[in-house]
Amino acid sequence: MTRYLLPLLCAVLLTGVVCSVVFGSVCALTWLDDWLAERAEHTKREGRSDD
C-alpha cells in the first residue's frame, strides 16, 4: 500500500506546485499588463497637460 501511496503523493504535490506556478505566472502577467496600461495612460495624460 505504502509503495503506491508515496509516488501518488509525490505526483499530487508536483501537480499542485506546477498549477500554483502557472496560476501565479498568469496572475502576475495580468497584473503587470494592467499596471503597464494604466501607467501608459497616466503618462499620456501627463503629456497632454504639459502641452
C-alpha atoms as a PDB file:
ATOM      1  CA  MET A   1       0.000   0.000   0.000  1.00  0.00           C
ATOM      2  CA  THR A   2       2.724   2.487   1.003  1.00  0.00           C
ATOM      3  CA  ARG A   3       4.619   1.553  -2.147  1.00  0.00           C
ATOM      4  CA  TYR A   4       1.783   3.002  -4.264  1.00  0.00           C
ATOM      5  CA  LEU A   5       0.886   5.833  -1.907  1.00  0.00           C
ATOM      6  CA  LEU A   6       4.263   7.606  -1.980  1.00  0.00           C
ATOM      7  CA  PRO A   7       4.502   8.079  -5.774  1.00  0.00           C
ATOM      8  CA  LEU A   8       0.851   9.149  -5.827  1.00  0.00           C
ATOM      9  CA  LEU A   9       1.501  11.698  -3.085  1.00  0.00           C
ATOM     10  CA  CYS A  10       4.559  12.991  -4.956  1.00  0.00           C
ATOM     11  CA  ALA A  11       2.529  13.273  -8.167  1.00  0.00           C
ATOM     12  CA  VAL A  12      -0.247  15.189  -6.394  1.00  0.00           C
ATOM     13  CA  LEU A  13       2.250  17.550  -4.747  1.00  0.00           C
ATOM     14  CA  LEU A  14       4.096  18.090  -8.021  1.00  0.00           C
ATOM     15  CA  THR A  15       0.818  18.798  -9.823  1.00  0.00           C
ATOM     16  CA  GLY A  16      -0.137  21.275  -7.102  1.00  0.00           C
ATOM     17  CA  VAL A  17       3.218  23.049  -7.378  1.00  0.00           C
ATOM     18  CA  VAL A  18       3.008  23.222 -11.188  1.00  0.00           C
ATOM     19  CA  CYS A  19      -0.561  24.549 -11.042  1.00  0.00           C
ATOM     20  CA  SER A  20       0.445  27.148  -8.457  1.00  0.00           C
ATOM     21  CA  VAL A  21       3.375  28.323 -10.569  1.00  0.00           C
ATOM     22  CA  VAL A  22       1.259  28.528 -13.735  1.00  0.00           C
ATOM     23  CA  PHE A  23      -1.618  30.279 -11.950  1.00  0.00           C
ATOM     24  CA  GLY A  24       0.799  32.654 -10.222  1.00  0.00           C
ATOM     25  CA  SER A  25       2.500  33.486 -13.509  1.00  0.00           C
ATOM     26  CA  VAL A  26      -0.815  34.173 -15.249  1.00  0.00           C
ATOM     27  CA  CYS A  27      -1.953  36.397 -12.364  1.00  0.00           C
ATOM     28  CA  ALA A  28       1.365  38.251 -12.331  1.00  0.00           C
ATOM     29  CA  LEU A  29       1.289  38.797 -16.097  1.00  0.00           C
ATOM     30  CA  THR A  30      -2.313  40.005 -15.979  1.00  0.00           C
ATOM     31  CA  TRP A  31      -1.497  42.406 -13.144  1.00  0.00           C
ATOM     32  CA  LEU A  32       1.653  43.608 -14.918  1.00  0.00           C
ATOM     33  CA  ASP A  33      -0.277  44.176 -18.156  1.00  0.00           C
ATOM     34  CA  ASP A  34      -2.947  46.192 -16.323  1.00  0.00           C
ATOM     35  CA  TRP A  35      -0.290  48.174 -14.468  1.00  0.00           C
ATOM     36  CA  LEU A  36       1.628  48.978 -17.663  1.00  0.00           C
ATOM     37  CA  ALA A  37      -1.572  50.037 -19.447  1.00  0.00           C
ATOM     38  CA  GLU A  38      -2.525  52.254 -16.510  1.00  0.00           C
ATOM     39  CA  ARG A  39       0.956  53.754 -16.425  1.00  0.00           C
ATOM     40  CA  ALA A  40       0.920  54.402 -20.183  1.00  0.00           C
ATOM     41  CA  GLU A  41      -2.478  56.098 -19.865  1.00  0.00           C
ATOM     42  CA  HIS A  42      -1.182  58.204 -16.977  1.00  0.00           C
ATOM     43  CA  THR A  43       1.912  59.175 -18.988  1.00  0.00           C
ATOM     44  CA  LYS A  44      -0.293  60.146 -21.941  1.00  0.00           C
ATOM     45  CA  ARG A  45      -2.441  62.314 -19.670  1.00  0.00           C
ATOM     46  CA  GLU A  46       0.655  63.973 -18.199  1.00  0.00           C
ATOM     47  CA  GLY A  47       1.946  64.670 -21.709  1.00  0.00           C
ATOM     48  CA  ARG A  48      -1.353  66.245 -22.748  1.00  0.00           C
ATOM     49  CA  SER A  49      -1.499  68.516 -19.713  1.00  0.00           C
ATOM     50  CA  ASP A  50       2.040  69.797 -20.417  1.00  0.00           C
ATOM     51  CA  ASP A  51       1.098  70.954 -23.932  1.00  0.00           C
END
